[in-house]
Amino acid sequence: MDAKRARLGKVLVTKEKVAQIVCKTADWICAECAANAPDVLTGKEPVHLIIILKGAVVYGMAVMKELHQRGIQTRLEFYRTESYGHGTSGGEVRTLLDVQDTLAGTVSFVIEDIIDRGETLDYVMSILSRRKPQYLGVCALLNKPSRRCVALPPSYHIFTGMDIEGFVGGFGLDFDEMFRDEECVCLVEFVE
């Protein structure tokens, strides 16, 4: 699958549907905070958004803006892993960039672009949960449950915007660093 032969095909998630998912994500974060950390909703404490680089940047920033419009304070952290090489092959997950905050006692949400095999999310959550946040949840724009090879425990408190299949690009998601700048999410097609 040569990236030079890849192109965007059918639109799976329109710009309008992406906006709805962002709003639902903010709704879910607010509901989780109301149940687990009400001081966040009163502005006494910020929500820590831990954006998984690079794919979740666009989604994470949209969620941050939506939370800001609702009067929720946020702090941004970034986490970067390496697990996918050229194209889509999985591999051993390792940390390339860690968060700067200790996270102890914080209300934190990992912002992920897509939950695919589950290995990366499981790796990140196991590391971050050991840092003793008050609450740790996960928000993922997209989900590929059919490809899951790691059982993600219910304690992970996961919100997913939409289940999909196939290789996708757009709204921060890429195929070999291409297509991140699209406003919608599309299937990636390969041409001869």
C-alpha atoms as a PDB file:
ATOM      1  CA  MET A   1       0.000   0.000   0.000  1.00  0.00           C
ATOM      2  CA  ASP A   2       2.068   2.860  -1.340  1.00  0.00           C
ATOM      3  CA  ALA A   3       1.057   6.260   0.085  1.00  0.00           C
ATOM      4  CA  LYS A   4       1.660   7.855  -3.315  1.00  0.00           C
ATOM      5  CA  ARG A   5      -1.201   5.744  -4.619  1.00  0.00           C
ATOM      6  CA  ALA A   6      -3.574   6.527  -1.775  1.00  0.00           C
ATOM      7  CA  ARG A   7      -6.440   8.985  -2.139  1.00  0.00           C
ATOM      8  CA  LEU A   8      -9.552   9.889  -0.196  1.00  0.00           C
ATOM      9  CA  GLY A   9     -12.727   8.156  -1.265  1.00  0.00           C
ATOM     10  CA  LYS A  10     -16.199   7.905   0.230  1.00  0.00           C
ATOM     11  CA  VAL A  11     -17.015  10.328   3.048  1.00  0.00           C
ATOM     12  CA  LEU A  12     -17.779   8.326   6.210  1.00  0.00           C
ATOM     13  CA  VAL A  13     -18.133  11.182   8.685  1.00  0.00           C
ATOM     14  CA  THR A  14     -19.269  14.542   7.321  1.00  0.00           C
ATOM     15  CA  LYS A  15     -18.105  17.874   8.706  1.00  0.00           C
ATOM     16  CA  GLU A  16     -21.519  18.236  10.366  1.00  0.00           C
ATOM     17  CA  LYS A  17     -21.343  14.753  11.927  1.00  0.00           C
ATOM     18  CA  VAL A  18     -17.825  15.520  13.233  1.00  0.00           C
ATOM     19  CA  ALA A  19     -19.251  18.641  14.921  1.00  0.00           C
ATOM     20  CA  GLN A  20     -22.008  16.519  16.499  1.00  0.00           C
ATOM     21  CA  ILE A  21     -19.427  14.035  17.807  1.00  0.00           C
ATOM     22  CA  VAL A  22     -17.393  16.890  19.300  1.00  0.00           C
ATOM     23  CA  CYS A  23     -20.518  18.194  21.091  1.00  0.00           C
ATOM     24  CA  LYS A  24     -21.395  14.695  22.333  1.00  0.00           C
ATOM     25  CA  THR A  25     -17.831  14.285  23.567  1.00  0.00           C
ATOM     26  CA  ALA A  26     -18.126  17.513  25.577  1.00  0.00           C
ATOM     27  CA  ASP A  27     -21.532  16.357  26.891  1.00  0.00           C
ATOM     28  CA  TRP A  28     -19.963  13.078  28.022  1.00  0.00           C
ATOM     29  CA  ILE A  29     -17.007  14.826  29.682  1.00  0.00           C
ATOM     30  CA  CYS A  30     -19.405  17.150  31.538  1.00  0.00           C
ATOM     31  CA  ALA A  31     -21.546  14.192  32.663  1.00  0.00           C
ATOM     32  CA  GLU A  32     -18.480  12.269  33.856  1.00  0.00           C
ATOM     33  CA  CYS A  33     -17.279  15.343  35.746  1.00  0.00           C
ATOM     34  CA  ALA A  34     -20.716  15.887  37.312  1.00  0.00           C
ATOM     35  CA  ALA A  35     -20.654  12.298  38.594  1.00  0.00           C
ATOM     36  CA  ASN A  36     -17.000  12.104  39.596  1.00  0.00           C
ATOM     37  CA  ALA A  37     -15.547  15.614  40.001  1.00  0.00           C
ATOM     38  CA  PRO A  38     -18.168  18.372  40.378  1.00  0.00           C
ATOM     39  CA  ASP A  39     -15.506  21.029  41.145  1.00  0.00           C
ATOM     40  CA  VAL A  40     -14.629  20.953  37.440  1.00  0.00           C
ATOM     41  CA  LEU A  41     -18.113  22.188  36.513  1.00  0.00           C
ATOM     42  CA  THR A  42     -17.890  25.108  38.940  1.00  0.00           C
ATOM     43  CA  GLY A  43     -14.545  26.237  37.558  1.00  0.00           C
ATOM     44  CA  LYS A  44     -12.624  25.385  40.732  1.00  0.00           C
ATOM     45  CA  GLU A  45     -10.592  22.694  38.978  1.00  0.00           C
ATOM     46  CA  PRO A  46      -9.543  22.280  35.338  1.00  0.00           C
ATOM     47  CA  VAL A  47     -10.010  19.256  33.142  1.00  0.00           C
ATOM     48  CA  HIS A  48      -6.731  17.881  31.825  1.00  0.00           C
ATOM     49  CA  LEU A  49      -6.975  16.866  28.171  1.00  0.00           C
ATOM     50  CA  ILE A  50      -4.164  14.490  27.250  1.00  0.00           C
ATOM     51  CA  ILE A  51      -4.022  14.591  23.475  1.00  0.00           C
ATOM     52  CA  ILE A  52      -2.399  11.621  21.787  1.00  0.00           C
ATOM     53  CA  LEU A  53      -0.149  12.971  19.043  1.00  0.00           C
ATOM     54  CA  LYS A  54      -0.410  13.404  16.148  1.00  0.00           C
ATOM     55  CA  GLY A  55      -3.794  12.140  15.045  1.00  0.00           C
ATOM     56  CA  ALA A  56      -5.925  13.454  17.907  1.00  0.00           C
ATOM     57  CA  VAL A  57      -4.757  17.085  17.775  1.00  0.00           C
ATOM     58  CA  VAL A  58      -7.606  18.349  15.598  1.00  0.00           C
ATOM     59  CA  TYR A  59     -10.269  16.459  17.588  1.00  0.00           C
ATOM     60  CA  GLY A  60      -8.691  17.458  20.907  1.00  0.00           C
ATOM     61  CA  MET A  61      -8.611  21.141  20.027  1.00  0.00           C
ATOM     62  CA  ALA A  62     -12.247  21.025  18.899  1.00  0.00           C
ATOM     63  CA  VAL A  63     -13.249  19.378  22.201  1.00  0.00           C
ATOM     64  CA  MET A  64     -11.233  21.968  24.141  1.00  0.00           C
ATOM     65  CA  LYS A  65     -13.028  24.825  22.346  1.00  0.00           C
ATOM     66  CA  GLU A  66     -16.430  23.225  23.027  1.00  0.00           C
ATOM     67  CA  LEU A  67     -15.603  22.827  26.728  1.00  0.00           C
ATOM     68  CA  HIS A  68     -14.412  26.457  26.856  1.00  0.00           C
ATOM     69  CA  GLN A  69     -17.763  27.591  25.432  1.00  0.00           C
ATOM     70  CA  ARG A  70     -19.412  25.742  28.329  1.00  0.00           C
ATOM     71  CA  GLY A  71     -17.228  27.502  30.904  1.00  0.00           C
ATOM     72  CA  ILE A  72     -14.998  24.491  31.615  1.00  0.00           C
ATOM     73  CA  GLN A  73     -11.334  25.262  32.251  1.00  0.00           C
ATOM     74  CA  THR A  74      -8.874  22.980  30.481  1.00  0.00           C
ATOM     75  CA  ARG A  75      -5.196  22.204  30.631  1.00  0.00           C
ATOM     76  CA  LEU A  76      -3.540  20.544  27.686  1.00  0.00           C
ATOM     77  CA  GLU A  77      -1.009  17.771  27.845  1.00  0.00           C
ATOM     78  CA  PHE A  78       0.455  15.836  24.959  1.00  0.00           C
ATOM     79  CA  TYR A  79       1.499  12.199  24.768  1.00  0.00           C
ATOM     80  CA  ARG A  80       3.097  10.567  21.786  1.00  0.00           C
ATOM     81  CA  THR A  81       3.649   6.910  21.156  1.00  0.00           C
ATOM     82  CA  GLU A  82       5.068   4.886  18.355  1.00  0.00           C
ATOM     83  CA  SER A  83       3.338   1.700  17.372  1.00  0.00           C
ATOM     84  CA  TYR A  84       2.519   1.975  13.707  1.00  0.00           C
ATOM     85  CA  GLY A  85       5.341   2.011  11.253  1.00  0.00           C
ATOM     86  CA  HIS A  86       5.016   2.853   7.615  1.00  0.00           C
ATOM     87  CA  GLY A  87       1.372   2.222   6.708  1.00  0.00           C
ATOM     88  CA  THR A  88      -0.633   0.159   9.178  1.00  0.00           C
ATOM     89  CA  SER A  89       1.496  -2.611  10.678  1.00  0.00           C
ATOM     90  CA  GLY A  90       1.349  -2.850  14.453  1.00  0.00           C
ATOM     91  CA  GLY A  91       4.372  -3.228  16.644  1.00  0.00           C
ATOM     92  CA  GLU A  92       5.637  -2.800  20.142  1.00  0.00           C
ATOM     93  CA  VAL A  93       4.290   0.401  21.675  1.00  0.00           C
ATOM     94  CA  ARG A  94       6.744   2.853  23.198  1.00  0.00           C
ATOM     95  CA  THR A  95       6.584   6.404  24.522  1.00  0.00           C
ATOM     96  CA  LEU A  96       8.146   9.163  22.433  1.00  0.00           C
ATOM     97  CA  LEU A  97       6.762  12.148  24.400  1.00  0.00           C
ATOM     98  CA  ASP A  98       5.342  11.988  27.912  1.00  0.00           C
ATOM     99  CA  VAL A  99       3.019  14.440  29.681  1.00  0.00           C
ATOM    100  CA  GLN A 100       4.685  17.145  31.781  1.00  0.00           C
ATOM    101  CA  ASP A 101       2.172  17.161  34.658  1.00  0.00           C
ATOM    102  CA  THR A 102       2.317  14.493  37.359  1.00  0.00           C
ATOM    103  CA  LEU A 103      -1.476  13.999  36.951  1.00  0.00           C
ATOM    104  CA  ALA A 104      -1.848  13.044  40.633  1.00  0.00           C
ATOM    105  CA  GLY A 105      -5.313  14.075  41.818  1.00  0.00           C
ATOM    106  CA  THR A 106      -6.335  15.510  38.433  1.00  0.00           C
ATOM    107  CA  VAL A 107      -9.468  14.953  36.379  1.00  0.00           C
ATOM    108  CA  SER A 108      -8.005  13.788  33.075  1.00  0.00           C
ATOM    109  CA  PHE A 109      -9.273  12.578  29.725  1.00  0.00           C
ATOM    110  CA  VAL A 110      -7.125  10.893  27.104  1.00  0.00           C
ATOM    111  CA  ILE A 111      -8.127  12.244  23.690  1.00  0.00           C
ATOM    112  CA  GLU A 112      -7.549   9.672  20.964  1.00  0.00           C
ATOM    113  CA  ASP A 113      -8.298   9.820  17.245  1.00  0.00           C
ATOM    114  CA  ILE A 114      -9.199   6.163  16.777  1.00  0.00           C
ATOM    115  CA  ILE A 115      -9.238   3.022  18.878  1.00  0.00           C
ATOM    116  CA  ASP A 116      -8.104   0.286  16.552  1.00  0.00           C
ATOM    117  CA  ARG A 117      -6.364  -2.824  17.892  1.00  0.00           C
ATOM    118  CA  GLY A 118      -6.396  -1.378  21.423  1.00  0.00           C
ATOM    119  CA  GLU A 119      -2.693  -1.891  22.104  1.00  0.00           C
ATOM    120  CA  THR A 120      -1.737   1.788  22.139  1.00  0.00           C
ATOM    121  CA  LEU A 121      -4.658   2.848  24.331  1.00  0.00           C
ATOM    122  CA  ASP A 122      -4.027   0.012  26.776  1.00  0.00           C
ATOM    123  CA  TYR A 123      -0.341   0.982  26.970  1.00  0.00           C
ATOM    124  CA  VAL A 124      -1.085   4.687  27.552  1.00  0.00           C
ATOM    125  CA  MET A 125      -3.833   4.022  30.101  1.00  0.00           C
ATOM    126  CA  SER A 126      -1.680   1.614  32.094  1.00  0.00           C
ATOM    127  CA  ILE A 127       1.071   4.231  32.358  1.00  0.00           C
ATOM    128  CA  LEU A 128      -1.217   7.178  33.141  1.00  0.00           C
ATOM    129  CA  SER A 129      -3.387   5.336  35.673  1.00  0.00           C
ATOM    130  CA  ARG A 130      -0.280   4.570  37.772  1.00  0.00           C
ATOM    131  CA  ARG A 131       0.135   8.322  38.249  1.00  0.00           C
ATOM    132  CA  LYS A 132      -3.010   8.365  40.416  1.00  0.00           C
ATOM    133  CA  PRO A 133      -5.332  10.857  38.737  1.00  0.00           C
ATOM    134  CA  GLN A 134      -8.610  11.404  40.588  1.00  0.00           C
ATOM    135  CA  TYR A 135     -10.398  10.373  37.389  1.00  0.00           C
ATOM    136  CA  LEU A 136      -9.103   9.108  34.048  1.00  0.00           C
ATOM    137  CA  GLY A 137     -11.378   8.716  31.024  1.00  0.00           C
ATOM    138  CA  VAL A 138     -10.941   8.220  27.290  1.00  0.00           C
ATOM    139  CA  CYS A 139     -12.579  10.042  24.393  1.00  0.00           C
ATOM    140  CA  ALA A 140     -12.034   8.653  20.908  1.00  0.00           C
ATOM    141  CA  LEU A 141     -13.396  10.181  17.738  1.00  0.00           C
ATOM    142  CA  LEU A 142     -13.603   6.798  16.014  1.00  0.00           C
ATOM    143  CA  ASN A 143     -13.637   3.142  16.971  1.00  0.00           C
ATOM    144  CA  LYS A 144     -12.775  -0.059  15.067  1.00  0.00           C
ATOM    145  CA  PRO A 145     -14.117  -2.792  17.348  1.00  0.00           C
ATOM    146  CA  SER A 146     -13.709  -5.521  14.718  1.00  0.00           C
ATOM    147  CA  ARG A 147      -9.907  -5.108  14.836  1.00  0.00           C
ATOM    148  CA  ARG A 148      -9.601  -5.170  18.629  1.00  0.00           C
ATOM    149  CA  CYS A 149      -6.958  -7.585  19.859  1.00  0.00           C
ATOM    150  CA  VAL A 150      -6.708  -6.214  23.416  1.00  0.00           C
ATOM    151  CA  ALA A 151      -9.704  -6.375  25.753  1.00  0.00           C
ATOM    152  CA  LEU A 152     -10.075  -2.883  27.180  1.00  0.00           C
ATOM    153  CA  PRO A 153     -11.402  -3.037  30.759  1.00  0.00           C
ATOM    154  CA  PRO A 154     -14.609  -1.196  31.746  1.00  0.00           C
ATOM    155  CA  SER A 155     -12.556   0.817  34.246  1.00  0.00           C
ATOM    156  CA  TYR A 156     -11.196   2.788  31.288  1.00  0.00           C
ATOM    157  CA  HIS A 157     -14.474   4.823  31.003  1.00  0.00           C
ATOM    158  CA  ILE A 158     -14.441   5.064  27.201  1.00  0.00           C
ATOM    159  CA  PHE A 159     -16.525   7.348  24.963  1.00  0.00           C
ATOM    160  CA  THR A 160     -16.377   6.698  21.220  1.00  0.00           C
ATOM    161  CA  GLY A 161     -17.977   8.899  18.603  1.00  0.00           C
ATOM    162  CA  MET A 162     -18.609   6.390  15.844  1.00  0.00           C
ATOM    163  CA  ASP A 163     -17.715   2.831  14.809  1.00  0.00           C
ATOM    164  CA  ILE A 164     -16.057   2.492  11.401  1.00  0.00           C
ATOM    165  CA  GLU A 165     -14.232  -0.004   9.203  1.00  0.00           C
ATOM    166  CA  GLY A 166     -11.410   0.408   6.694  1.00  0.00           C
ATOM    167  CA  PHE A 167      -8.458   2.764   6.382  1.00  0.00           C
ATOM    168  CA  VAL A 168      -9.514   6.357   6.972  1.00  0.00           C
ATOM    169  CA  GLY A 169      -8.092   9.852   6.720  1.00  0.00           C
ATOM    170  CA  GLY A 170      -9.195  13.358   7.598  1.00  0.00           C
ATOM    171  CA  PHE A 171      -9.906  15.490  10.687  1.00  0.00           C
ATOM    172  CA  GLY A 172      -6.436  14.765  12.019  1.00  0.00           C
ATOM    173  CA  LEU A 173      -6.302  11.117  10.984  1.00  0.00           C
ATOM    174  CA  ASP A 174      -3.706  10.220   8.404  1.00  0.00           C
ATOM    175  CA  PHE A 175      -2.476   7.523   6.142  1.00  0.00           C
ATOM    176  CA  ASP A 176       1.311   7.833   6.006  1.00  0.00           C
ATOM    177  CA  GLU A 177       1.064  11.516   7.086  1.00  0.00           C
ATOM    178  CA  MET A 178      -1.430  12.381   4.336  1.00  0.00           C
ATOM    179  CA  PHE A 179      -5.023  13.709   4.656  1.00  0.00           C
ATOM    180  CA  ARG A 180      -4.897  15.195   8.218  1.00  0.00           C
ATOM    181  CA  ASP A 181      -6.164  18.580   6.979  1.00  0.00           C
ATOM    182  CA  GLU A 182      -9.538  17.384   5.679  1.00  0.00           C
ATOM    183  CA  GLU A 183     -12.646  18.596   7.578  1.00  0.00           C
ATOM    184  CA  CYS A 184     -14.401  15.248   7.283  1.00  0.00           C
ATOM    185  CA  VAL A 185     -13.323  11.612   7.623  1.00  0.00           C
ATOM    186  CA  CYS A 186     -13.117   9.547   4.455  1.00  0.00           C
ATOM    187  CA  LEU A 187     -12.144   6.058   3.407  1.00  0.00           C
ATOM    188  CA  VAL A 188      -8.659   5.857   1.981  1.00  0.00           C
ATOM    189  CA  GLU A 189      -8.620   4.213  -1.433  1.00  0.00           C
ATOM    190  CA  PHE A 190      -5.645   2.773  -3.219  1.00  0.00           C
ATOM    191  CA  VAL A 191      -5.269   3.254  -6.963  1.00  0.00           C
ATOM    192  CA  GLU A 192      -3.092   1.482  -9.502  1.00  0.00           C
END
